[in-house]
Amino acid sequence: MYIDFVPNRGSKPAILLRESIREGKRIRKRTIANLSDLTLEQAETIRLVLKGERLAPAGGASTASARCRMGMWRPCASPCAG
């Protein structure tokens, strides 16, 4: 699966979630979902996830402090910002 940006004449590009299928010697594209309502930033984030890249938590916080603030585990090894 991959994200495909398809130019759309005078409008913003269509953002499609697709997969490639081989039929004999031909390679066809099958559209799974139309994601055109997403922002380009959101589509790029999905593209990175599909490539298998690891993303940093939002806001640049470390994973340990983010978990601590969300109450996912106690006691915290790091000082928590309340």
PDB file of N, CA and C in Angstrom:
ATOM      1  N   MET A   1       0.834  -1.177   0.000  1.00  0.00           N
ATOM      2  CA  MET A   1       0.000   0.000   0.000  1.00  0.00           C
ATOM      3  C   MET A   1       0.876   1.237   0.000  1.00  0.00           C
ATOM      4  N   TYR A   2       0.374   2.269  -0.610  1.00  0.00           N
ATOM      5  CA  TYR A   2       1.095   3.519  -0.669  1.00  0.00           C
ATOM      6  C   TYR A   2       0.110   4.665  -0.884  1.00  0.00           C
ATOM      7  N   ILE A   3       0.595   5.878  -0.599  1.00  0.00           N
ATOM      8  CA  ILE A   3      -0.180   7.084  -0.824  1.00  0.00           C
ATOM      9  C   ILE A   3       0.232   7.653  -2.168  1.00  0.00           C
ATOM     10  N   ASP A   4      -0.743   7.972  -3.020  1.00  0.00           N
ATOM     11  CA  ASP A   4      -0.478   8.520  -4.342  1.00  0.00           C
ATOM     12  C   ASP A   4      -1.112   9.903  -4.438  1.00  0.00           C
ATOM     13  N   PHE A   5      -0.321  10.892  -4.857  1.00  0.00           N
ATOM     14  CA  PHE A   5      -0.823  12.245  -5.087  1.00  0.00           C
ATOM     15  C   PHE A   5      -1.051  12.393  -6.588  1.00  0.00           C
ATOM     16  N   VAL A   6      -2.319  12.570  -6.988  1.00  0.00           N
ATOM     17  CA  VAL A   6      -2.678  12.641  -8.397  1.00  0.00           C
ATOM     18  C   VAL A   6      -3.025  14.087  -8.740  1.00  0.00           C
ATOM     19  N   PRO A   7      -2.293  14.701  -9.696  1.00  0.00           N
ATOM     20  CA  PRO A   7      -2.604  16.086 -10.081  1.00  0.00           C
ATOM     21  C   PRO A   7      -4.045  16.196 -10.581  1.00  0.00           C
ATOM     22  N   ASN A   8      -4.661  17.355 -10.337  1.00  0.00           N
ATOM     23  CA  ASN A   8      -6.078  17.521 -10.628  1.00  0.00           C
ATOM     24  C   ASN A   8      -6.342  18.887 -11.253  1.00  0.00           C
ATOM     25  N   ARG A   9      -5.807  19.129 -12.416  1.00  0.00           N
ATOM     26  CA  ARG A   9      -5.916  20.381 -13.175  1.00  0.00           C
ATOM     27  C   ARG A   9      -5.926  21.620 -12.305  1.00  0.00           C
ATOM     28  N   GLY A  10      -7.032  22.323 -12.164  1.00  0.00           N
ATOM     29  CA  GLY A  10      -7.077  23.575 -11.416  1.00  0.00           C
ATOM     30  C   GLY A  10      -7.296  23.421  -9.926  1.00  0.00           C
ATOM     31  N   SER A  11      -7.587  22.210  -9.462  1.00  0.00           N
ATOM     32  CA  SER A  11      -7.874  21.966  -8.046  1.00  0.00           C
ATOM     33  C   SER A  11      -6.659  21.371  -7.340  1.00  0.00           C
ATOM     34  N   LYS A  12      -6.795  21.199  -6.021  1.00  0.00           N
ATOM     35  CA  LYS A  12      -5.721  20.545  -5.278  1.00  0.00           C
ATOM     36  C   LYS A  12      -5.637  19.082  -5.700  1.00  0.00           C
ATOM     37  N   PRO A  13      -4.467  18.460  -5.546  1.00  0.00           N
ATOM     38  CA  PRO A  13      -4.315  17.068  -5.998  1.00  0.00           C
ATOM     39  C   PRO A  13      -5.179  16.095  -5.193  1.00  0.00           C
ATOM     40  N   ALA A  14      -5.591  15.030  -5.869  1.00  0.00           N
ATOM     41  CA  ALA A  14      -6.314  13.961  -5.185  1.00  0.00           C
ATOM     42  C   ALA A  14      -5.298  13.131  -4.407  1.00  0.00           C
ATOM     43  N   ILE A  15      -5.655  12.750  -3.183  1.00  0.00           N
ATOM     44  CA  ILE A  15      -4.786  11.935  -2.338  1.00  0.00           C
ATOM     45  C   ILE A  15      -5.456  10.578  -2.202  1.00  0.00           C
ATOM     46  N   LEU A  16      -4.793   9.542  -2.739  1.00  0.00           N
ATOM     47  CA  LEU A  16      -5.391   8.216  -2.788  1.00  0.00           C
ATOM     48  C   LEU A  16      -4.523   7.193  -2.072  1.00  0.00           C
ATOM     49  N   LEU A  17      -5.174   6.290  -1.342  1.00  0.00           N
ATOM     50  CA  LEU A  17      -4.505   5.137  -0.753  1.00  0.00           C
ATOM     51  C   LEU A  17      -4.639   4.022  -1.772  1.00  0.00           C
ATOM     52  N   ARG A  18      -3.504   3.503  -2.256  1.00  0.00           N
ATOM     53  CA  ARG A  18      -3.520   2.532  -3.342  1.00  0.00           C
ATOM     54  C   ARG A  18      -2.645   1.330  -3.042  1.00  0.00           C
ATOM     55  N   GLU A  19      -2.846   0.292  -3.854  1.00  0.00           N
ATOM     56  CA  GLU A  19      -1.957  -0.861  -3.845  1.00  0.00           C
ATOM     57  C   GLU A  19      -1.711  -1.268  -5.293  1.00  0.00           C
ATOM     58  N   SER A  20      -0.567  -1.877  -5.528  1.00  0.00           N
ATOM     59  CA  SER A  20      -0.217  -2.348  -6.864  1.00  0.00           C
ATOM     60  C   SER A  20      -0.544  -3.830  -6.969  1.00  0.00           C
ATOM     61  N   ILE A  21      -1.125  -4.206  -8.112  1.00  0.00           N
ATOM     62  CA  ILE A  21      -1.502  -5.599  -8.356  1.00  0.00           C
ATOM     63  C   ILE A  21      -0.917  -6.007  -9.700  1.00  0.00           C
ATOM     64  N   ARG A  22      -0.243  -7.144  -9.733  1.00  0.00           N
ATOM     65  CA  ARG A  22       0.299  -7.645 -10.993  1.00  0.00           C
ATOM     66  C   ARG A  22      -0.714  -8.604 -11.603  1.00  0.00           C
ATOM     67  N   GLU A  23      -1.083  -8.320 -12.867  1.00  0.00           N
ATOM     68  CA  GLU A  23      -1.973  -9.193 -13.634  1.00  0.00           C
ATOM     69  C   GLU A  23      -1.226  -9.594 -14.897  1.00  0.00           C
ATOM     70  N   GLY A  24      -0.632 -10.772 -14.868  1.00  0.00           N
ATOM     71  CA  GLY A  24       0.196 -11.200 -15.997  1.00  0.00           C
ATOM     72  C   GLY A  24       1.433 -10.329 -16.066  1.00  0.00           C
ATOM     73  N   LYS A  25       1.621  -9.654 -17.201  1.00  0.00           N
ATOM     74  CA  LYS A  25       2.771  -8.768 -17.357  1.00  0.00           C
ATOM     75  C   LYS A  25       2.446  -7.322 -16.977  1.00  0.00           C
ATOM     76  N   ARG A  26       1.173  -7.047 -16.747  1.00  0.00           N
ATOM     77  CA  ARG A  26       0.758  -5.680 -16.422  1.00  0.00           C
ATOM     78  C   ARG A  26       0.734  -5.453 -14.916  1.00  0.00           C
ATOM     79  N   ILE A  27       1.029  -4.231 -14.516  1.00  0.00           N
ATOM     80  CA  ILE A  27       0.895  -3.823 -13.122  1.00  0.00           C
ATOM     81  C   ILE A  27      -0.239  -2.813 -13.064  1.00  0.00           C
ATOM     82  N   ARG A  28      -1.249  -3.120 -12.260  1.00  0.00           N
ATOM     83  CA  ARG A  28      -2.413  -2.239 -12.151  1.00  0.00           C
ATOM     84  C   ARG A  28      -2.440  -1.614 -10.778  1.00  0.00           C
ATOM     85  N   LYS A  29      -3.035  -0.430 -10.695  1.00  0.00           N
ATOM     86  CA  LYS A  29      -3.207   0.261  -9.421  1.00  0.00           C
ATOM     87  C   LYS A  29      -4.652   0.125  -8.990  1.00  0.00           C
ATOM     88  N   ARG A  30      -4.849  -0.320  -7.755  1.00  0.00           N
ATOM     89  CA  ARG A  30      -6.201  -0.418  -7.208  1.00  0.00           C
ATOM     90  C   ARG A  30      -6.334   0.618  -6.107  1.00  0.00           C
ATOM     91  N   THR A  31      -7.343   1.481  -6.208  1.00  0.00           N
ATOM     92  CA  THR A  31      -7.578   2.505  -5.201  1.00  0.00           C
ATOM     93  C   THR A  31      -8.387   1.902  -4.065  1.00  0.00           C
ATOM     94  N   ILE A  32      -7.847   2.015  -2.850  1.00  0.00           N
ATOM     95  CA  ILE A  32      -8.503   1.478  -1.667  1.00  0.00           C
ATOM     96  C   ILE A  32      -9.365   2.549  -1.015  1.00  0.00           C
ATOM     97  N   ALA A  33      -8.826   3.783  -0.932  1.00  0.00           N
ATOM     98  CA  ALA A  33      -9.569   4.873  -0.290  1.00  0.00           C
ATOM     99  C   ALA A  33      -9.152   6.212  -0.880  1.00  0.00           C
ATOM    100  N   ASN A  34     -10.109   7.126  -0.936  1.00  0.00           N
ATOM    101  CA  ASN A  34      -9.844   8.493  -1.347  1.00  0.00           C
ATOM    102  C   ASN A  34      -9.638   9.313  -0.074  1.00  0.00           C
ATOM    103  N   LEU A  35      -8.439   9.847   0.109  1.00  0.00           N
ATOM    104  CA  LEU A  35      -8.089  10.604   1.313  1.00  0.00           C
ATOM    105  C   LEU A  35      -7.967  12.095   1.023  1.00  0.00           C
ATOM    106  N   SER A  36      -8.646  12.578  -0.003  1.00  0.00           N
ATOM    107  CA  SER A  36      -8.508  13.966  -0.433  1.00  0.00           C
ATOM    108  C   SER A  36      -8.963  14.978   0.607  1.00  0.00           C
ATOM    109  N   ASP A  37      -9.758  14.570   1.571  1.00  0.00           N
ATOM    110  CA  ASP A  37     -10.205  15.493   2.621  1.00  0.00           C
ATOM    111  C   ASP A  37      -9.114  15.774   3.650  1.00  0.00           C
ATOM    112  N   LEU A  38      -8.047  14.971   3.652  1.00  0.00           N
ATOM    113  CA  LEU A  38      -6.954  15.183   4.597  1.00  0.00           C
ATOM    114  C   LEU A  38      -6.074  16.343   4.143  1.00  0.00           C
ATOM    115  N   THR A  39      -5.356  16.934   5.096  1.00  0.00           N
ATOM    116  CA  THR A  39      -4.379  17.952   4.736  1.00  0.00           C
ATOM    117  C   THR A  39      -3.152  17.244   4.167  1.00  0.00           C
ATOM    118  N   LEU A  40      -2.305  18.003   3.468  1.00  0.00           N
ATOM    119  CA  LEU A  40      -1.089  17.409   2.911  1.00  0.00           C
ATOM    120  C   LEU A  40      -0.183  16.879   4.021  1.00  0.00           C
ATOM    121  N   GLU A  41      -0.165  17.558   5.171  1.00  0.00           N
ATOM    122  CA  GLU A  41       0.650  17.114   6.303  1.00  0.00           C
ATOM    123  C   GLU A  41       0.161  15.762   6.832  1.00  0.00           C
ATOM    124  N   GLN A  42      -1.147  15.598   6.949  1.00  0.00           N
ATOM    125  CA  GLN A  42      -1.702  14.334   7.424  1.00  0.00           C
ATOM    126  C   GLN A  42      -1.407  13.206   6.437  1.00  0.00           C
ATOM    127  N   ALA A  43      -1.548  13.491   5.145  1.00  0.00           N
ATOM    128  CA  ALA A  43      -1.266  12.479   4.122  1.00  0.00           C
ATOM    129  C   ALA A  43       0.205  12.088   4.138  1.00  0.00           C
ATOM    130  N   GLU A  44       1.083  13.062   4.323  1.00  0.00           N
ATOM    131  CA  GLU A  44       2.518  12.768   4.381  1.00  0.00           C
ATOM    132  C   GLU A  44       2.850  11.928   5.611  1.00  0.00           C
ATOM    133  N   THR A  45       2.172  12.163   6.724  1.00  0.00           N
ATOM    134  CA  THR A  45       2.376  11.361   7.934  1.00  0.00           C
ATOM    135  C   THR A  45       1.959   9.917   7.688  1.00  0.00           C
ATOM    136  N   ILE A  46       0.834   9.718   7.038  1.00  0.00           N
ATOM    137  CA  ILE A  46       0.385   8.353   6.709  1.00  0.00           C
ATOM    138  C   ILE A  46       1.387   7.695   5.780  1.00  0.00           C
ATOM    139  N   ARG A  47       1.908   8.437   4.820  1.00  0.00           N
ATOM    140  CA  ARG A  47       2.901   7.906   3.889  1.00  0.00           C
ATOM    141  C   ARG A  47       4.141   7.412   4.650  1.00  0.00           C
ATOM    142  N   LEU A  48       4.598   8.196   5.619  1.00  0.00           N
ATOM    143  CA  LEU A  48       5.770   7.799   6.405  1.00  0.00           C
ATOM    144  C   LEU A  48       5.497   6.544   7.223  1.00  0.00           C
ATOM    145  N   VAL A  49       4.302   6.447   7.803  1.00  0.00           N
ATOM    146  CA  VAL A  49       3.932   5.262   8.590  1.00  0.00           C
ATOM    147  C   VAL A  49       3.894   4.023   7.698  1.00  0.00           C
ATOM    148  N   LEU A  50       3.341   4.153   6.506  1.00  0.00           N
ATOM    149  CA  LEU A  50       3.278   3.020   5.590  1.00  0.00           C
ATOM    150  C   LEU A  50       4.668   2.571   5.146  1.00  0.00           C
ATOM    151  N   LYS A  51       5.621   3.494   5.107  1.00  0.00           N
ATOM    152  CA  LYS A  51       7.001   3.144   4.768  1.00  0.00           C
ATOM    153  C   LYS A  51       7.708   2.458   5.928  1.00  0.00           C
ATOM    154  N   GLY A  52       7.106   2.506   7.125  1.00  0.00           N
ATOM    155  CA  GLY A  52       7.690   1.846   8.282  1.00  0.00           C
ATOM    156  C   GLY A  52       8.576   2.737   9.120  1.00  0.00           C
ATOM    157  N   GLU A  53       8.545   4.043   8.881  1.00  0.00           N
ATOM    158  CA  GLU A  53       9.358   4.956   9.670  1.00  0.00           C
ATOM    159  C   GLU A  53       8.705   5.208  11.019  1.00  0.00           C
ATOM    160  N   ARG A  54       9.545   5.393  12.046  1.00  0.00           N
ATOM    161  CA  ARG A  54       9.050   5.675  13.391  1.00  0.00           C
ATOM    162  C   ARG A  54       8.866   7.169  13.534  1.00  0.00           C
ATOM    163  N   LEU A  55       7.762   7.564  14.128  1.00  0.00           N
ATOM    164  CA  LEU A  55       7.454   8.973  14.308  1.00  0.00           C
ATOM    165  C   LEU A  55       7.670   9.369  15.756  1.00  0.00           C
ATOM    166  N   ALA A  56       8.114  10.586  15.969  1.00  0.00           N
ATOM    167  CA  ALA A  56       8.301  11.116  17.321  1.00  0.00           C
ATOM    168  C   ALA A  56       6.951  11.549  17.881  1.00  0.00           C
ATOM    169  N   PRO A  57       6.770  11.502  19.186  1.00  0.00           N
ATOM    170  CA  PRO A  57       5.516  11.965  19.777  1.00  0.00           C
ATOM    171  C   PRO A  57       5.271  13.441  19.466  1.00  0.00           C
ATOM    172  N   ALA A  58       4.025  13.840  19.398  1.00  0.00           N
ATOM    173  CA  ALA A  58       3.668  15.226  19.114  1.00  0.00           C
ATOM    174  C   ALA A  58       4.200  16.142  20.200  1.00  0.00           C
ATOM    175  N   GLY A  59       4.665  17.301  19.818  1.00  0.00           N
ATOM    176  CA  GLY A  59       5.155  18.271  20.783  1.00  0.00           C
ATOM    177  C   GLY A  59       6.603  18.081  21.155  1.00  0.00           C
ATOM    178  N   GLY A  60       7.262  17.083  20.588  1.00  0.00           N
ATOM    179  CA  GLY A  60       8.678  16.861  20.850  1.00  0.00           C
ATOM    180  C   GLY A  60       8.976  16.284  22.219  1.00  0.00           C
ATOM    181  N   ALA A  61       7.968  15.829  22.962  1.00  0.00           N
ATOM    182  CA  ALA A  61       8.189  15.254  24.289  1.00  0.00           C
ATOM    183  C   ALA A  61       8.766  13.855  24.142  1.00  0.00           C
ATOM    184  N   SER A  62       9.554  13.456  25.115  1.00  0.00           N
ATOM    185  CA  SER A  62      10.086  12.093  25.080  1.00  0.00           C
ATOM    186  C   SER A  62       8.953  11.121  25.381  1.00  0.00           C
ATOM    187  N   THR A  63       9.116   9.891  24.978  1.00  0.00           N
ATOM    188  CA  THR A  63       8.083   8.881  25.182  1.00  0.00           C
ATOM    189  C   THR A  63       7.807   8.669  26.666  1.00  0.00           C
ATOM    190  N   ALA A  64       8.849   8.643  27.483  1.00  0.00           N
ATOM    191  CA  ALA A  64       8.664   8.400  28.912  1.00  0.00           C
ATOM    192  C   ALA A  64       7.848   9.505  29.555  1.00  0.00           C
ATOM    193  N   SER A  65       8.164  10.757  29.273  1.00  0.00           N
ATOM    194  CA  SER A  65       7.419  11.847  29.900  1.00  0.00           C
ATOM    195  C   SER A  65       6.008  11.940  29.341  1.00  0.00           C
ATOM    196  N   ALA A  66       5.818  11.583  28.066  1.00  0.00           N
ATOM    197  CA  ALA A  66       4.476  11.606  27.486  1.00  0.00           C
ATOM    198  C   ALA A  66       3.599  10.548  28.144  1.00  0.00           C
ATOM    199  N   ARG A  67       4.151   9.355  28.361  1.00  0.00           N
ATOM    200  CA  ARG A  67       3.387   8.293  29.025  1.00  0.00           C
ATOM    201  C   ARG A  67       3.060   8.690  30.456  1.00  0.00           C
ATOM    202  N   CYS A  68       4.012   9.312  31.120  1.00  0.00           N
ATOM    203  CA  CYS A  68       3.818   9.714  32.504  1.00  0.00           C
ATOM    204  C   CYS A  68       2.685  10.730  32.609  1.00  0.00           C
ATOM    205  N   ARG A  69       2.685  11.714  31.718  1.00  0.00           N
ATOM    206  CA  ARG A  69       1.641  12.740  31.770  1.00  0.00           C
ATOM    207  C   ARG A  69       0.273  12.167  31.455  1.00  0.00           C
ATOM    208  N   MET A  70       0.221  11.130  30.625  1.00  0.00           N
ATOM    209  CA  MET A  70      -1.063  10.534  30.282  1.00  0.00           C
ATOM    210  C   MET A  70      -1.513   9.539  31.340  1.00  0.00           C
ATOM    211  N   GLY A  71      -0.679   9.293  32.352  1.00  0.00           N
ATOM    212  CA  GLY A  71      -1.062   8.382  33.423  1.00  0.00           C
ATOM    213  C   GLY A  71      -1.000   6.926  33.031  1.00  0.00           C
ATOM    214  N   MET A  72      -0.184   6.590  32.018  1.00  0.00           N
ATOM    215  CA  MET A  72      -0.122   5.217  31.546  1.00  0.00           C
ATOM    216  C   MET A  72       0.691   4.325  32.461  1.00  0.00           C
ATOM    217  N   TRP A  73       1.606   4.866  33.223  1.00  0.00           N
ATOM    218  CA  TRP A  73       2.364   4.065  34.159  1.00  0.00           C
ATOM    219  C   TRP A  73       2.852   4.925  35.299  1.00  0.00           C
ATOM    220  N   ARG A  74       2.884   4.335  36.465  1.00  0.00           N
ATOM    221  CA  ARG A  74       3.334   5.024  37.671  1.00  0.00           C
ATOM    222  C   ARG A  74       4.223   4.067  38.442  1.00  0.00           C
ATOM    223  N   PRO A  75       5.180   4.394  39.237  1.00  0.00           N
ATOM    224  CA  PRO A  75       5.680   5.748  39.394  1.00  0.00           C
ATOM    225  C   PRO A  75       6.568   6.116  38.217  1.00  0.00           C
ATOM    226  N   CYS A  76       6.744   7.406  38.010  1.00  0.00           N
ATOM    227  CA  CYS A  76       7.556   7.921  36.921  1.00  0.00           C
ATOM    228  C   CYS A  76       9.027   7.924  37.318  1.00  0.00           C
ATOM    229  N   ALA A  77       9.849   7.541  36.354  1.00  0.00           N
ATOM    230  CA  ALA A  77      11.287   7.617  36.582  1.00  0.00           C
ATOM    231  C   ALA A  77      11.775   9.041  36.374  1.00  0.00           C
ATOM    232  N   SER A  78      11.057   9.784  35.526  1.00  0.00           N
ATOM    233  CA  SER A  78      11.441  11.165  35.260  1.00  0.00           C
ATOM    234  C   SER A  78      10.461  12.108  35.942  1.00  0.00           C
ATOM    235  N   PRO A  79      10.891  13.324  36.266  1.00  0.00           N
ATOM    236  CA  PRO A  79       9.964  14.273  36.889  1.00  0.00           C
ATOM    237  C   PRO A  79       8.836  14.622  35.926  1.00  0.00           C
ATOM    238  N   CYS A  80       7.631  14.579  36.403  1.00  0.00           N
ATOM    239  CA  CYS A  80       6.463  14.821  35.552  1.00  0.00           C
ATOM    240  C   CYS A  80       6.023  16.284  35.628  1.00  0.00           C
ATOM    241  N   ALA A  81       5.656  16.790  34.477  1.00  0.00           N
ATOM    242  CA  ALA A  81       5.069  18.139  34.440  1.00  0.00           C
ATOM    243  C   ALA A  81       3.563  17.958  34.620  1.00  0.00           C
ATOM    244  N   GLY A  82       3.023  18.465  35.708  1.00  0.00           N
ATOM    245  CA  GLY A  82       1.620  18.253  36.033  1.00  0.00           C
ATOM    246  C   GLY A  82       0.729  19.012  35.191  1.00  0.00           C
TER     247      GLY A  82
END
